[in-house]
């Protein structure tokens, strides 16, 4: 899970925000499906929301934070 989150972090650092959101979404979906039973995949939602806020996607950020 940490490697999957890092992918999103690296994309965000490279200013590839849309791709970062997709990477975070992938982690969230996998965690929600039970693929990370011992990890805190919820961090992907926070990172995704932060990235969406930077993209001025307030509705998407609100959904991610929820």
C-alpha atoms as a PDB file:
ATOM      1  CA  UNK A   1       0.000   0.000   0.000  1.00  0.00           C
ATOM      2  CA  UNK A   2       2.824   2.418   0.791  1.00  0.00           C
ATOM      3  CA  UNK A   3       4.261   1.986  -2.701  1.00  0.00           C
ATOM      4  CA  UNK A   4       0.846   2.614  -4.224  1.00  0.00           C
ATOM      5  CA  UNK A   5       0.447   5.831  -2.219  1.00  0.00           C
ATOM      6  CA  UNK A   6       3.947   6.918  -3.200  1.00  0.00           C
ATOM      7  CA  UNK A   7       2.994   6.662  -6.867  1.00  0.00           C
ATOM      8  CA  UNK A   8       0.318   9.280  -6.304  1.00  0.00           C
ATOM      9  CA  UNK A   9       2.690  11.417  -4.252  1.00  0.00           C
ATOM     10  CA  UNK A  10       5.344  11.331  -6.979  1.00  0.00           C
ATOM     11  CA  UNK A  11       2.823  12.215  -9.676  1.00  0.00           C
ATOM     12  CA  UNK A  12       1.591  15.111  -7.566  1.00  0.00           C
ATOM     13  CA  UNK A  13       5.151  16.350  -7.000  1.00  0.00           C
ATOM     14  CA  UNK A  14       5.652  16.255 -10.779  1.00  0.00           C
ATOM     15  CA  UNK A  15       2.530  18.465 -11.197  1.00  0.00           C
ATOM     16  CA  UNK A  16       0.643  15.630 -12.877  1.00  0.00           C
ATOM     17  CA  UNK A  17      -2.335  16.171 -10.613  1.00  0.00           C
ATOM     18  CA  UNK A  18      -5.009  14.413 -12.662  1.00  0.00           C
ATOM     19  CA  UNK A  19      -2.870  11.278 -12.785  1.00  0.00           C
ATOM     20  CA  UNK A  20      -2.208  11.598  -9.045  1.00  0.00           C
ATOM     21  CA  UNK A  21      -5.945  11.696  -8.346  1.00  0.00           C
ATOM     22  CA  UNK A  22      -6.369   8.538 -10.434  1.00  0.00           C
ATOM     23  CA  UNK A  23      -3.560   6.807  -8.520  1.00  0.00           C
ATOM     24  CA  UNK A  24      -5.082   7.761  -5.162  1.00  0.00           C
ATOM     25  CA  UNK A  25      -8.505   6.590  -6.363  1.00  0.00           C
ATOM     26  CA  UNK A  26      -6.991   3.232  -7.294  1.00  0.00           C
ATOM     27  CA  UNK A  27      -5.565   2.836  -3.779  1.00  0.00           C
ATOM     28  CA  UNK A  28      -8.884   3.856  -2.216  1.00  0.00           C
ATOM     29  CA  UNK A  29     -10.850   1.408  -4.346  1.00  0.00           C
ATOM     30  CA  UNK A  30      -8.441  -1.455  -3.591  1.00  0.00           C
ATOM     31  CA  UNK A  31      -8.465  -0.706   0.128  1.00  0.00           C
ATOM     32  CA  UNK A  32     -12.230  -0.385   0.208  1.00  0.00           C
ATOM     33  CA  UNK A  33     -12.422  -3.799  -1.482  1.00  0.00           C
ATOM     34  CA  UNK A  34     -10.317  -5.308   1.317  1.00  0.00           C
ATOM     35  CA  UNK A  35      -6.950  -5.561  -0.422  1.00  0.00           C
ATOM     36  CA  UNK A  36      -5.184  -3.628   2.369  1.00  0.00           C
ATOM     37  CA  UNK A  37      -6.634  -5.094   5.573  1.00  0.00           C
ATOM     38  CA  UNK A  38      -3.787  -3.879   7.775  1.00  0.00           C
ATOM     39  CA  UNK A  39      -2.997  -0.592   6.082  1.00  0.00           C
ATOM     40  CA  UNK A  40      -4.512   2.800   6.520  1.00  0.00           C
ATOM     41  CA  UNK A  41      -5.610   3.267   2.939  1.00  0.00           C
ATOM     42  CA  UNK A  42      -7.836   6.130   4.096  1.00  0.00           C
ATOM     43  CA  UNK A  43      -4.807   8.384   3.677  1.00  0.00           C
ATOM     44  CA  UNK A  44      -5.349   8.054  -0.068  1.00  0.00           C
ATOM     45  CA  UNK A  45      -8.707   9.839   0.325  1.00  0.00           C
ATOM     46  CA  UNK A  46      -7.066  12.731   2.172  1.00  0.00           C
ATOM     47  CA  UNK A  47      -4.310  13.022  -0.429  1.00  0.00           C
ATOM     48  CA  UNK A  48      -6.874  12.778  -3.216  1.00  0.00           C
ATOM     49  CA  UNK A  49      -8.970  15.519  -1.617  1.00  0.00           C
ATOM     50  CA  UNK A  50      -5.951  17.769  -1.195  1.00  0.00           C
ATOM     51  CA  UNK A  51      -5.033  17.304  -4.842  1.00  0.00           C
ATOM     52  CA  UNK A  52      -8.593  17.953  -5.979  1.00  0.00           C
ATOM     53  CA  UNK A  53      -8.659  21.177  -3.937  1.00  0.00           C
ATOM     54  CA  UNK A  54      -5.476  22.284  -5.704  1.00  0.00           C
ATOM     55  CA  UNK A  55      -7.263  21.593  -9.003  1.00  0.00           C
ATOM     56  CA  UNK A  56     -10.213  23.745  -7.802  1.00  0.00           C
ATOM     57  CA  UNK A  57     -12.469  20.652  -7.817  1.00  0.00           C
ATOM     58  CA  UNK A  58     -14.268  21.528  -4.603  1.00  0.00           C
ATOM     59  CA  UNK A  59     -17.091  19.000  -5.094  1.00  0.00           C
ATOM     60  CA  UNK A  60     -14.617  16.191  -5.770  1.00  0.00           C
ATOM     61  CA  UNK A  61     -12.536  17.190  -2.738  1.00  0.00           C
ATOM     62  CA  UNK A  62     -15.600  17.215  -0.505  1.00  0.00           C
ATOM     63  CA  UNK A  63     -16.538  13.726  -1.717  1.00  0.00           C
ATOM     64  CA  UNK A  64     -13.012  12.472  -1.088  1.00  0.00           C
ATOM     65  CA  UNK A  65     -12.863  13.919   2.403  1.00  0.00           C
ATOM     66  CA  UNK A  66     -16.237  12.387   3.206  1.00  0.00           C
END
